[in-house]
Amino acid sequence: MYKTIHSEPYKALIGWLKACRKSKKLDMRTLAKLLNLPHSWIGKIETRERRLDLAEYVRLCQALNINPHTGLDLLISAMDKSSSAPKKKQTPKIIKK
């Protein structure tokens, strides 16, 4: 099954969160301190090694003082665009013995 963490809409959402953090002149360590989390948690989110759940997303938005609805609107818009894009045809993998 396709992992949403690798999807373009999720990539757009995380890019937006990162841009918001940078626009507020916050580094990962400072943001992590606001959330009482290790800075590696922020790094793993921003590099998409770890997926945000909904409660974490809202908490992150609150720490950044941004509206979570804005990010959700971005995500939905990106999902609409990606669902209207032509699907790539998967070719079967040949396994040699």
Protein backbone atom coordinates (compact mmCIF):
# COMPACT_ATOMS: atom_id res chain seq x y z
CA MET A 1 0.00 0.00 0.00
CA TYR A 2 1.16 3.53 -0.79
CA LYS A 3 2.42 5.44 2.25
CA THR A 4 0.94 8.92 2.59
CA ILE A 5 4.17 10.17 4.16
CA HIS A 6 5.69 9.98 0.66
CA SER A 7 2.79 11.74 -1.06
CA GLU A 8 3.06 15.15 -2.69
CA PRO A 9 0.19 16.59 -0.58
CA TYR A 10 1.93 15.57 2.66
CA LYS A 11 5.21 16.96 1.32
CA ALA A 12 3.43 20.27 0.65
CA LEU A 13 2.01 20.36 4.19
CA ILE A 14 5.38 19.69 5.80
CA GLY A 15 7.01 22.26 3.52
CA TRP A 16 4.44 24.81 4.65
CA LEU A 17 5.10 24.03 8.32
CA LYS A 18 8.86 24.36 7.79
CA ALA A 19 8.42 27.66 5.94
CA CYS A 20 6.23 28.97 8.78
CA ARG A 21 8.88 27.98 11.34
CA LYS A 22 11.59 29.74 9.36
CA SER A 23 9.45 32.85 8.78
CA LYS A 24 9.09 33.14 12.56
CA LYS A 25 12.91 32.94 12.85
CA LEU A 26 12.73 29.77 14.94
CA ASP A 27 15.33 27.06 14.66
CA MET A 28 14.43 23.43 15.33
CA ARG A 29 15.86 23.49 18.85
CA THR A 30 13.82 26.54 19.89
CA LEU A 31 10.61 25.09 18.49
CA ALA A 32 11.33 21.77 20.17
CA LYS A 33 11.77 23.55 23.51
CA LEU A 34 8.37 25.22 23.05
CA LEU A 35 6.86 21.77 22.57
CA ASN A 36 8.96 20.13 25.31
CA LEU A 37 10.27 17.61 22.78
CA PRO A 38 13.73 16.69 21.52
CA HIS A 39 14.89 18.72 18.52
CA SER A 40 15.33 15.47 16.59
CA TRP A 41 11.52 15.12 16.61
CA ILE A 42 11.23 18.34 14.59
CA GLY A 43 13.99 17.18 12.24
CA LYS A 44 12.30 13.84 11.61
CA ILE A 45 9.00 15.55 10.85
CA GLU A 46 10.60 18.05 8.46
CA THR A 47 12.56 15.35 6.62
CA ARG A 48 9.46 13.13 6.52
CA GLU A 49 11.13 10.32 8.44
CA ARG A 50 8.24 10.51 10.88
CA ARG A 51 4.59 11.22 10.18
CA LEU A 52 2.57 13.73 12.20
CA ASP A 53 -0.70 12.59 13.67
CA LEU A 54 -3.57 15.06 13.85
CA ALA A 55 -3.12 16.03 17.51
CA GLU A 56 0.62 16.59 16.98
CA TYR A 57 -0.13 18.70 13.91
CA VAL A 58 -2.50 20.96 15.86
CA ARG A 59 -0.02 21.23 18.74
CA LEU A 60 2.77 22.17 16.30
CA CYS A 61 0.55 24.81 14.69
CA GLN A 62 -0.25 26.25 18.13
CA ALA A 63 3.45 26.46 18.99
CA LEU A 64 4.07 28.27 15.70
CA ASN A 65 1.02 30.47 16.28
CA ILE A 66 -0.44 29.55 12.88
CA ASN A 67 -3.95 28.46 11.93
CA PRO A 68 -4.16 24.68 11.44
CA HIS A 69 -7.05 25.21 9.01
CA THR A 70 -4.68 26.95 6.59
CA GLY A 71 -2.47 23.87 6.41
CA LEU A 72 -5.45 21.55 6.06
CA ASP A 73 -6.78 23.68 3.20
CA LEU A 74 -3.35 23.42 1.55
CA LEU A 75 -3.35 19.65 2.05
CA ILE A 76 -6.85 19.23 0.62
CA SER A 77 -6.02 21.43 -2.37
CA ALA A 78 -2.86 19.42 -3.05
CA MET A 79 -4.83 16.17 -2.73
CA ASP A 80 -7.39 17.43 -5.24
CA LYS A 81 -4.60 18.28 -7.68
CA SER A 82 -2.84 14.96 -7.24
CA SER A 83 -6.03 12.94 -7.65
CA SER A 84 -6.76 14.66 -10.97
CA ALA A 85 -3.25 14.01 -12.26
CA PRO A 86 -2.82 11.00 -14.52
CA LYS A 87 -1.77 7.90 -12.60
CA LYS A 88 1.56 6.29 -13.33
CA LYS A 89 1.24 2.78 -14.62
CA GLN A 90 3.16 0.34 -12.46
CA THR A 91 5.27 -2.19 -14.25
CA PRO A 92 5.72 -5.58 -12.66
CA LYS A 93 9.14 -6.33 -11.23
CA ILE A 94 10.98 -9.26 -12.67
CA ILE A 95 12.75 -11.37 -10.10
CA LYS A 96 15.63 -13.43 -11.40
CA LYS A 97 16.60 -16.58 -9.59
